């Protein structure tokens, strides 16, 4: 098979070039038709791209079960300013965050965990968001929750809720161990690794404050998640061994 480089081949066959040389008018018409065809194709492609973009944006919703009446509700993704892609190298800071075997260490650890929480402890007011940021496209359902008596207009950002829960686990874990140093290097590693994971994902789902609970439990809140089932199947398809 002739594999001559396409760089050596003209866009129009030589026979057509010869014919065009014999008929300048015909060549002009063909060139005009080609230009018109390219323009039509470009316009059609642009319209198709815009249409597909609108469709994808319309489909970018998360479905969840309300848990109370079994109704399925579609909650559009909350549009917030882009957080960007920030490359970070994870480092071992167990000597700071997990230093809870002495009184001085506990004070250092508590201070370190506190630095991960913003002023306001990660709670926001949707009313303030609507007032000061008119460009935010806030879903109507979220606005209804904000106006509900049960939620008092207070929402928690999921990432800080996750950090809070991990800090509670760390403190309870070391309290259960007592002050004596134990060989728990693997567990320490996992706790530190999970801290990095939570901060890396920075989940921005908004979780309503529930007056009847006296806080935020996070249940019933929609999150925009990676498809874990698909990742599971992919990992099995390309597994290194058959071991469980």
C-alpha atoms as a PDB file:
ATOM      1  CA  UNK A   1       0.000   0.000   0.000  1.00  0.00           C
ATOM      2  CA  UNK A   2       1.322   3.444  -0.963  1.00  0.00           C
ATOM      3  CA  UNK A   3       1.914   5.412   2.247  1.00  0.00           C
ATOM      4  CA  UNK A   4       3.001   8.672   0.600  1.00  0.00           C
ATOM      5  CA  UNK A   5       2.847  11.551   3.074  1.00  0.00           C
ATOM      6  CA  UNK A   6      -0.301  13.603   2.870  1.00  0.00           C
ATOM      7  CA  UNK A   7       1.946  16.674   2.910  1.00  0.00           C
ATOM      8  CA  UNK A   8       2.979  15.753  -0.659  1.00  0.00           C
ATOM      9  CA  UNK A   9      -0.604  15.365  -1.864  1.00  0.00           C
ATOM     10  CA  UNK A  10      -2.622  18.389  -3.070  1.00  0.00           C
ATOM     11  CA  UNK A  11      -6.005  19.127  -1.476  1.00  0.00           C
ATOM     12  CA  UNK A  12      -7.521  18.992  -4.994  1.00  0.00           C
ATOM     13  CA  UNK A  13      -6.700  16.190  -7.435  1.00  0.00           C
ATOM     14  CA  UNK A  14      -4.278  16.979 -10.290  1.00  0.00           C
ATOM     15  CA  UNK A  15      -6.976  16.278 -12.853  1.00  0.00           C
ATOM     16  CA  UNK A  16      -9.159  18.948 -11.290  1.00  0.00           C
ATOM     17  CA  UNK A  17      -6.269  21.395 -11.283  1.00  0.00           C
ATOM     18  CA  UNK A  18      -5.698  20.781 -14.964  1.00  0.00           C
ATOM     19  CA  UNK A  19      -9.366  21.319 -15.708  1.00  0.00           C
ATOM     20  CA  UNK A  20      -9.374  24.527 -13.712  1.00  0.00           C
ATOM     21  CA  UNK A  21      -6.385  25.778 -15.678  1.00  0.00           C
ATOM     22  CA  UNK A  22      -8.341  25.322 -18.883  1.00  0.00           C
ATOM     23  CA  UNK A  23     -11.425  27.099 -17.458  1.00  0.00           C
ATOM     24  CA  UNK A  24     -10.695  30.035 -15.100  1.00  0.00           C
ATOM     25  CA  UNK A  25     -14.415  30.727 -14.654  1.00  0.00           C
ATOM     26  CA  UNK A  26     -15.069  27.135 -13.624  1.00  0.00           C
ATOM     27  CA  UNK A  27     -12.204  27.307 -11.153  1.00  0.00           C
ATOM     28  CA  UNK A  28     -13.595  30.502  -9.641  1.00  0.00           C
ATOM     29  CA  UNK A  29     -17.032  28.938  -9.207  1.00  0.00           C
ATOM     30  CA  UNK A  30     -15.577  25.810  -7.592  1.00  0.00           C
ATOM     31  CA  UNK A  31     -13.461  27.901  -5.242  1.00  0.00           C
ATOM     32  CA  UNK A  32     -16.492  29.977  -4.308  1.00  0.00           C
ATOM     33  CA  UNK A  33     -18.512  26.828  -3.621  1.00  0.00           C
ATOM     34  CA  UNK A  34     -15.735  25.461  -1.416  1.00  0.00           C
ATOM     35  CA  UNK A  35     -15.592  28.704   0.589  1.00  0.00           C
ATOM     36  CA  UNK A  36     -19.375  28.738   0.997  1.00  0.00           C
ATOM     37  CA  UNK A  37     -19.300  25.080   2.071  1.00  0.00           C
ATOM     38  CA  UNK A  38     -16.619  25.788   4.672  1.00  0.00           C
ATOM     39  CA  UNK A  39     -18.588  28.749   6.051  1.00  0.00           C
ATOM     40  CA  UNK A  40     -21.803  26.722   6.261  1.00  0.00           C
ATOM     41  CA  UNK A  41     -19.944  23.894   8.003  1.00  0.00           C
ATOM     42  CA  UNK A  42     -18.366  26.313  10.496  1.00  0.00           C
ATOM     43  CA  UNK A  43     -21.702  27.960  11.293  1.00  0.00           C
ATOM     44  CA  UNK A  44     -23.432  24.593  11.669  1.00  0.00           C
ATOM     45  CA  UNK A  45     -20.637  23.327  13.920  1.00  0.00           C
ATOM     46  CA  UNK A  46     -20.884  26.428  16.123  1.00  0.00           C
ATOM     47  CA  UNK A  47     -24.649  26.070  16.446  1.00  0.00           C
ATOM     48  CA  UNK A  48     -24.294  22.377  17.270  1.00  0.00           C
ATOM     49  CA  UNK A  49     -21.649  23.139  19.891  1.00  0.00           C
ATOM     50  CA  UNK A  50     -23.885  25.739  21.555  1.00  0.00           C
ATOM     51  CA  UNK A  51     -26.827  23.352  21.461  1.00  0.00           C
ATOM     52  CA  UNK A  52     -24.817  20.525  23.019  1.00  0.00           C
ATOM     53  CA  UNK A  53     -23.467  22.898  25.667  1.00  0.00           C
ATOM     54  CA  UNK A  54     -26.998  23.940  26.634  1.00  0.00           C
ATOM     55  CA  UNK A  55     -28.067  20.295  26.770  1.00  0.00           C
ATOM     56  CA  UNK A  56     -25.105  19.322  28.960  1.00  0.00           C
ATOM     57  CA  UNK A  57     -25.737  22.243  31.304  1.00  0.00           C
ATOM     58  CA  UNK A  58     -29.369  21.233  31.552  1.00  0.00           C
ATOM     59  CA  UNK A  59     -28.341  17.681  32.347  1.00  0.00           C
ATOM     60  CA  UNK A  60     -25.771  18.766  34.955  1.00  0.00           C
ATOM     61  CA  UNK A  61     -28.099  18.134  37.857  1.00  0.00           C
ATOM     62  CA  UNK A  62     -28.016  15.840  40.832  1.00  0.00           C
ATOM     63  CA  UNK A  63     -30.964  13.662  41.777  1.00  0.00           C
ATOM     64  CA  UNK A  64     -31.682  12.596  45.314  1.00  0.00           C
ATOM     65  CA  UNK A  65     -34.460  11.041  47.357  1.00  0.00           C
ATOM     66  CA  UNK A  66     -36.018  13.426  49.853  1.00  0.00           C
ATOM     67  CA  UNK A  67     -36.258  10.584  52.393  1.00  0.00           C
ATOM     68  CA  UNK A  68     -39.570  11.820  53.764  1.00  0.00           C
ATOM     69  CA  UNK A  69     -42.117  11.253  51.022  1.00  0.00           C
ATOM     70  CA  UNK A  70     -40.040   9.341  48.498  1.00  0.00           C
ATOM     71  CA  UNK A  71     -40.215  12.171  45.952  1.00  0.00           C
ATOM     72  CA  UNK A  72     -37.280  12.522  43.610  1.00  0.00           C
ATOM     73  CA  UNK A  73     -36.075  16.095  43.346  1.00  0.00           C
ATOM     74  CA  UNK A  74     -33.695  17.514  40.759  1.00  0.00           C
ATOM     75  CA  UNK A  75     -31.288  20.021  42.232  1.00  0.00           C
ATOM     76  CA  UNK A  76     -29.167  21.971  39.704  1.00  0.00           C
ATOM     77  CA  UNK A  77     -25.511  22.353  40.553  1.00  0.00           C
ATOM     78  CA  UNK A  78     -24.835  25.497  42.544  1.00  0.00           C
ATOM     79  CA  UNK A  79     -22.704  27.745  40.343  1.00  0.00           C
ATOM     80  CA  UNK A  80     -19.848  29.295  42.321  1.00  0.00           C
ATOM     81  CA  UNK A  81     -16.640  30.976  41.134  1.00  0.00           C
ATOM     82  CA  UNK A  82     -14.127  28.469  39.856  1.00  0.00           C
ATOM     83  CA  UNK A  83     -11.808  27.195  42.559  1.00  0.00           C
ATOM     84  CA  UNK A  84      -9.239  26.415  39.903  1.00  0.00           C
ATOM     85  CA  UNK A  85      -6.841  23.501  39.711  1.00  0.00           C
ATOM     86  CA  UNK A  86      -4.163  24.020  42.326  1.00  0.00           C
ATOM     87  CA  UNK A  87      -1.278  21.509  42.233  1.00  0.00           C
ATOM     88  CA  UNK A  88      -0.268  20.593  45.778  1.00  0.00           C
ATOM     89  CA  UNK A  89       2.321  18.116  47.035  1.00  0.00           C
ATOM     90  CA  UNK A  90       1.022  16.192  50.041  1.00  0.00           C
ATOM     91  CA  UNK A  91       3.449  16.126  52.970  1.00  0.00           C
ATOM     92  CA  UNK A  92       3.447  14.281  56.282  1.00  0.00           C
ATOM     93  CA  UNK A  93       2.319  16.632  59.061  1.00  0.00           C
ATOM     94  CA  UNK A  94       1.393  13.950  61.592  1.00  0.00           C
ATOM     95  CA  UNK A  95       3.757  15.499  64.139  1.00  0.00           C
ATOM     96  CA  UNK A  96       1.447  18.524  64.151  1.00  0.00           C
ATOM     97  CA  UNK A  97      -2.113  17.325  63.546  1.00  0.00           C
ATOM     98  CA  UNK A  98      -1.775  13.988  65.359  1.00  0.00           C
ATOM     99  CA  UNK A  99       0.503  15.130  68.180  1.00  0.00           C
ATOM    100  CA  UNK A 100      -1.864  14.270  71.042  1.00  0.00           C
ATOM    101  CA  UNK A 101       0.220  12.226  73.484  1.00  0.00           C
ATOM    102  CA  UNK A 102       1.146  15.170  75.739  1.00  0.00           C
ATOM    103  CA  UNK A 103      -0.677  18.247  77.028  1.00  0.00           C
ATOM    104  CA  UNK A 104       1.568  20.516  74.981  1.00  0.00           C
ATOM    105  CA  UNK A 105       1.078  18.340  71.907  1.00  0.00           C
ATOM    106  CA  UNK A 106      -2.714  18.442  72.259  1.00  0.00           C
ATOM    107  CA  UNK A 107      -2.603  22.258  72.343  1.00  0.00           C
ATOM    108  CA  UNK A 108      -0.489  22.298  69.171  1.00  0.00           C
ATOM    109  CA  UNK A 109      -2.789  19.794  67.478  1.00  0.00           C
ATOM    110  CA  UNK A 110      -5.973  21.684  68.403  1.00  0.00           C
ATOM    111  CA  UNK A 111      -4.480  24.910  67.048  1.00  0.00           C
ATOM    112  CA  UNK A 112      -3.503  23.171  63.802  1.00  0.00           C
ATOM    113  CA  UNK A 113      -7.015  21.805  63.278  1.00  0.00           C
ATOM    114  CA  UNK A 114      -8.473  25.244  64.032  1.00  0.00           C
ATOM    115  CA  UNK A 115      -6.358  26.776  61.254  1.00  0.00           C
ATOM    116  CA  UNK A 116      -8.181  24.564  58.734  1.00  0.00           C
ATOM    117  CA  UNK A 117     -11.517  26.171  59.621  1.00  0.00           C
ATOM    118  CA  UNK A 118     -12.321  29.637  58.249  1.00  0.00           C
ATOM    119  CA  UNK A 119     -13.819  32.484  60.215  1.00  0.00           C
ATOM    120  CA  UNK A 120     -17.470  31.499  60.536  1.00  0.00           C
ATOM    121  CA  UNK A 121     -16.579  27.800  60.848  1.00  0.00           C
ATOM    122  CA  UNK A 122     -17.592  27.113  57.239  1.00  0.00           C
ATOM    123  CA  UNK A 123     -21.205  28.260  57.623  1.00  0.00           C
ATOM    124  CA  UNK A 124     -22.660  30.692  55.083  1.00  0.00           C
ATOM    125  CA  UNK A 125     -25.828  32.741  54.726  1.00  0.00           C
ATOM    126  CA  UNK A 126     -27.594  32.176  51.435  1.00  0.00           C
ATOM    127  CA  UNK A 127     -29.377  35.502  51.911  1.00  0.00           C
ATOM    128  CA  UNK A 128     -26.015  37.276  52.077  1.00  0.00           C
ATOM    129  CA  UNK A 129     -24.853  35.344  49.014  1.00  0.00           C
ATOM    130  CA  UNK A 130     -27.910  36.488  47.046  1.00  0.00           C
ATOM    131  CA  UNK A 131     -27.485  40.074  48.211  1.00  0.00           C
ATOM    132  CA  UNK A 132     -23.794  40.501  47.402  1.00  0.00           C
ATOM    133  CA  UNK A 133     -23.269  38.156  44.453  1.00  0.00           C
ATOM    134  CA  UNK A 134     -25.879  38.676  41.770  1.00  0.00           C
ATOM    135  CA  UNK A 135     -23.983  36.494  39.293  1.00  0.00           C
ATOM    136  CA  UNK A 136     -24.506  33.328  41.334  1.00  0.00           C
ATOM    137  CA  UNK A 137     -27.171  31.073  39.851  1.00  0.00           C
ATOM    138  CA  UNK A 138     -28.779  29.770  43.032  1.00  0.00           C
ATOM    139  CA  UNK A 139     -31.306  26.946  42.526  1.00  0.00           C
ATOM    140  CA  UNK A 140     -34.874  27.775  43.523  1.00  0.00           C
ATOM    141  CA  UNK A 141     -35.055  24.666  45.726  1.00  0.00           C
ATOM    142  CA  UNK A 142     -32.068  25.874  47.739  1.00  0.00           C
ATOM    143  CA  UNK A 143     -33.721  29.274  48.119  1.00  0.00           C
ATOM    144  CA  UNK A 144     -36.866  27.556  49.408  1.00  0.00           C
ATOM    145  CA  UNK A 145     -34.800  25.656  51.969  1.00  0.00           C
ATOM    146  CA  UNK A 146     -33.152  28.915  52.981  1.00  0.00           C
ATOM    147  CA  UNK A 147     -36.555  30.474  53.585  1.00  0.00           C
ATOM    148  CA  UNK A 148     -37.820  27.499  55.566  1.00  0.00           C
ATOM    149  CA  UNK A 149     -38.238  27.871  59.307  1.00  0.00           C
ATOM    150  CA  UNK A 150     -36.378  24.598  59.885  1.00  0.00           C
ATOM    151  CA  UNK A 151     -33.119  25.765  58.351  1.00  0.00           C
ATOM    152  CA  UNK A 152     -32.870  29.359  59.649  1.00  0.00           C
ATOM    153  CA  UNK A 153     -31.057  30.473  56.489  1.00  0.00           C
ATOM    154  CA  UNK A 154     -27.808  28.801  57.558  1.00  0.00           C
ATOM    155  CA  UNK A 155     -25.805  26.376  55.413  1.00  0.00           C
ATOM    156  CA  UNK A 156     -22.552  24.485  55.977  1.00  0.00           C
ATOM    157  CA  UNK A 157     -19.993  23.915  53.219  1.00  0.00           C
ATOM    158  CA  UNK A 158     -19.421  20.174  53.034  1.00  0.00           C
ATOM    159  CA  UNK A 159     -15.596  20.318  52.914  1.00  0.00           C
ATOM    160  CA  UNK A 160     -15.426  22.002  56.324  1.00  0.00           C
ATOM    161  CA  UNK A 161     -18.032  19.615  57.702  1.00  0.00           C
ATOM    162  CA  UNK A 162     -15.750  16.763  56.614  1.00  0.00           C
ATOM    163  CA  UNK A 163     -12.698  18.334  58.252  1.00  0.00           C
ATOM    164  CA  UNK A 164     -14.709  18.855  61.443  1.00  0.00           C
ATOM    165  CA  UNK A 165     -15.773  15.187  61.506  1.00  0.00           C
ATOM    166  CA  UNK A 166     -12.220  13.971  60.940  1.00  0.00           C
ATOM    167  CA  UNK A 167     -10.937  16.177  63.761  1.00  0.00           C
ATOM    168  CA  UNK A 168     -13.590  14.712  66.091  1.00  0.00           C
ATOM    169  CA  UNK A 169     -12.490  11.182  65.113  1.00  0.00           C
ATOM    170  CA  UNK A 170      -8.832  12.064  65.758  1.00  0.00           C
ATOM    171  CA  UNK A 171      -9.554  13.569  69.184  1.00  0.00           C
ATOM    172  CA  UNK A 172     -11.820  10.717  70.252  1.00  0.00           C
ATOM    173  CA  UNK A 173      -9.341   8.136  69.008  1.00  0.00           C
ATOM    174  CA  UNK A 174      -6.450   9.533  71.044  1.00  0.00           C
ATOM    175  CA  UNK A 175      -8.637  10.044  74.100  1.00  0.00           C
ATOM    176  CA  UNK A 176      -9.541   6.350  73.923  1.00  0.00           C
ATOM    177  CA  UNK A 177      -5.865   5.420  73.675  1.00  0.00           C
ATOM    178  CA  UNK A 178      -4.932   7.488  76.698  1.00  0.00           C
ATOM    179  CA  UNK A 179      -1.686   9.376  77.092  1.00  0.00           C
ATOM    180  CA  UNK A 180       0.492   6.294  76.645  1.00  0.00           C
ATOM    181  CA  UNK A 181       2.202   6.072  73.255  1.00  0.00           C
ATOM    182  CA  UNK A 182       0.929   3.164  71.176  1.00  0.00           C
ATOM    183  CA  UNK A 183       2.222   1.624  67.957  1.00  0.00           C
ATOM    184  CA  UNK A 184      -0.426   3.123  65.701  1.00  0.00           C
ATOM    185  CA  UNK A 185       1.726   4.338  62.822  1.00  0.00           C
ATOM    186  CA  UNK A 186      -0.547   2.867  60.156  1.00  0.00           C
ATOM    187  CA  UNK A 187      -3.676   4.456  61.637  1.00  0.00           C
ATOM    188  CA  UNK A 188      -1.833   7.753  62.035  1.00  0.00           C
ATOM    189  CA  UNK A 189      -0.856   7.586  58.371  1.00  0.00           C
ATOM    190  CA  UNK A 190      -4.471   6.942  57.319  1.00  0.00           C
ATOM    191  CA  UNK A 191      -5.842   9.810  59.397  1.00  0.00           C
ATOM    192  CA  UNK A 192      -3.295  12.206  57.930  1.00  0.00           C
ATOM    193  CA  UNK A 193      -3.944  10.906  54.417  1.00  0.00           C
ATOM    194  CA  UNK A 194      -7.705  11.419  54.840  1.00  0.00           C
ATOM    195  CA  UNK A 195      -7.116  15.001  55.961  1.00  0.00           C
ATOM    196  CA  UNK A 196      -5.258  15.702  52.728  1.00  0.00           C
ATOM    197  CA  UNK A 197      -7.972  13.915  50.718  1.00  0.00           C
ATOM    198  CA  UNK A 198     -10.762  16.053  52.171  1.00  0.00           C
ATOM    199  CA  UNK A 199      -8.868  19.272  51.531  1.00  0.00           C
ATOM    200  CA  UNK A 200      -7.968  18.132  48.019  1.00  0.00           C
ATOM    201  CA  UNK A 201     -11.557  17.397  46.977  1.00  0.00           C
ATOM    202  CA  UNK A 202     -12.882  20.584  48.672  1.00  0.00           C
ATOM    203  CA  UNK A 203     -16.530  19.560  48.348  1.00  0.00           C
ATOM    204  CA  UNK A 204     -18.624  22.728  48.012  1.00  0.00           C
ATOM    205  CA  UNK A 205     -22.065  21.155  48.522  1.00  0.00           C
ATOM    206  CA  UNK A 206     -24.221  23.302  50.796  1.00  0.00           C
ATOM    207  CA  UNK A 207     -25.778  21.513  53.771  1.00  0.00           C
ATOM    208  CA  UNK A 208     -28.708  23.235  55.530  1.00  0.00           C
ATOM    209  CA  UNK A 209     -28.692  23.929  59.228  1.00  0.00           C
ATOM    210  CA  UNK A 210     -31.545  21.963  60.840  1.00  0.00           C
ATOM    211  CA  UNK A 211     -33.138  23.655  63.805  1.00  0.00           C
ATOM    212  CA  UNK A 212     -34.740  20.427  65.018  1.00  0.00           C
ATOM    213  CA  UNK A 213     -31.306  18.770  65.094  1.00  0.00           C
ATOM    214  CA  UNK A 214     -29.536  21.780  66.508  1.00  0.00           C
ATOM    215  CA  UNK A 215     -26.880  21.582  63.819  1.00  0.00           C
ATOM    216  CA  UNK A 216     -25.875  20.132  60.459  1.00  0.00           C
ATOM    217  CA  UNK A 217     -25.949  16.376  59.875  1.00  0.00           C
ATOM    218  CA  UNK A 218     -25.386  16.541  56.115  1.00  0.00           C
ATOM    219  CA  UNK A 219     -27.963  13.875  55.295  1.00  0.00           C
ATOM    220  CA  UNK A 220     -30.293  14.489  52.345  1.00  0.00           C
ATOM    221  CA  UNK A 221     -27.841  16.884  50.704  1.00  0.00           C
ATOM    222  CA  UNK A 222     -26.905  16.387  47.056  1.00  0.00           C
ATOM    223  CA  UNK A 223     -23.219  16.197  46.161  1.00  0.00           C
ATOM    224  CA  UNK A 224     -21.678  16.320  42.674  1.00  0.00           C
ATOM    225  CA  UNK A 225     -19.643  13.119  42.907  1.00  0.00           C
ATOM    226  CA  UNK A 226     -17.278  11.075  40.814  1.00  0.00           C
ATOM    227  CA  UNK A 227     -18.820   7.839  39.567  1.00  0.00           C
ATOM    228  CA  UNK A 228     -17.418   5.386  42.108  1.00  0.00           C
ATOM    229  CA  UNK A 229     -19.142   2.390  40.483  1.00  0.00           C
ATOM    230  CA  UNK A 230     -17.517   3.155  37.131  1.00  0.00           C
ATOM    231  CA  UNK A 231     -14.127   3.584  38.818  1.00  0.00           C
ATOM    232  CA  UNK A 232     -14.687   0.263  40.592  1.00  0.00           C
ATOM    233  CA  UNK A 233     -15.394  -1.508  37.294  1.00  0.00           C
ATOM    234  CA  UNK A 234     -12.419   0.163  35.608  1.00  0.00           C
ATOM    235  CA  UNK A 235     -10.073  -0.892  38.425  1.00  0.00           C
ATOM    236  CA  UNK A 236     -11.279  -4.484  38.148  1.00  0.00           C
ATOM    237  CA  UNK A 237     -10.919  -4.502  34.367  1.00  0.00           C
ATOM    238  CA  UNK A 238      -7.266  -3.420  34.614  1.00  0.00           C
ATOM    239  CA  UNK A 239      -6.391  -5.246  37.837  1.00  0.00           C
ATOM    240  CA  UNK A 240      -2.817  -6.412  38.374  1.00  0.00           C
ATOM    241  CA  UNK A 241      -3.800  -9.637  40.168  1.00  0.00           C
ATOM    242  CA  UNK A 242      -6.975 -11.516  41.062  1.00  0.00           C
ATOM    243  CA  UNK A 243      -6.348 -11.226  44.794  1.00  0.00           C
ATOM    244  CA  UNK A 244      -9.015  -9.685  47.001  1.00  0.00           C
END
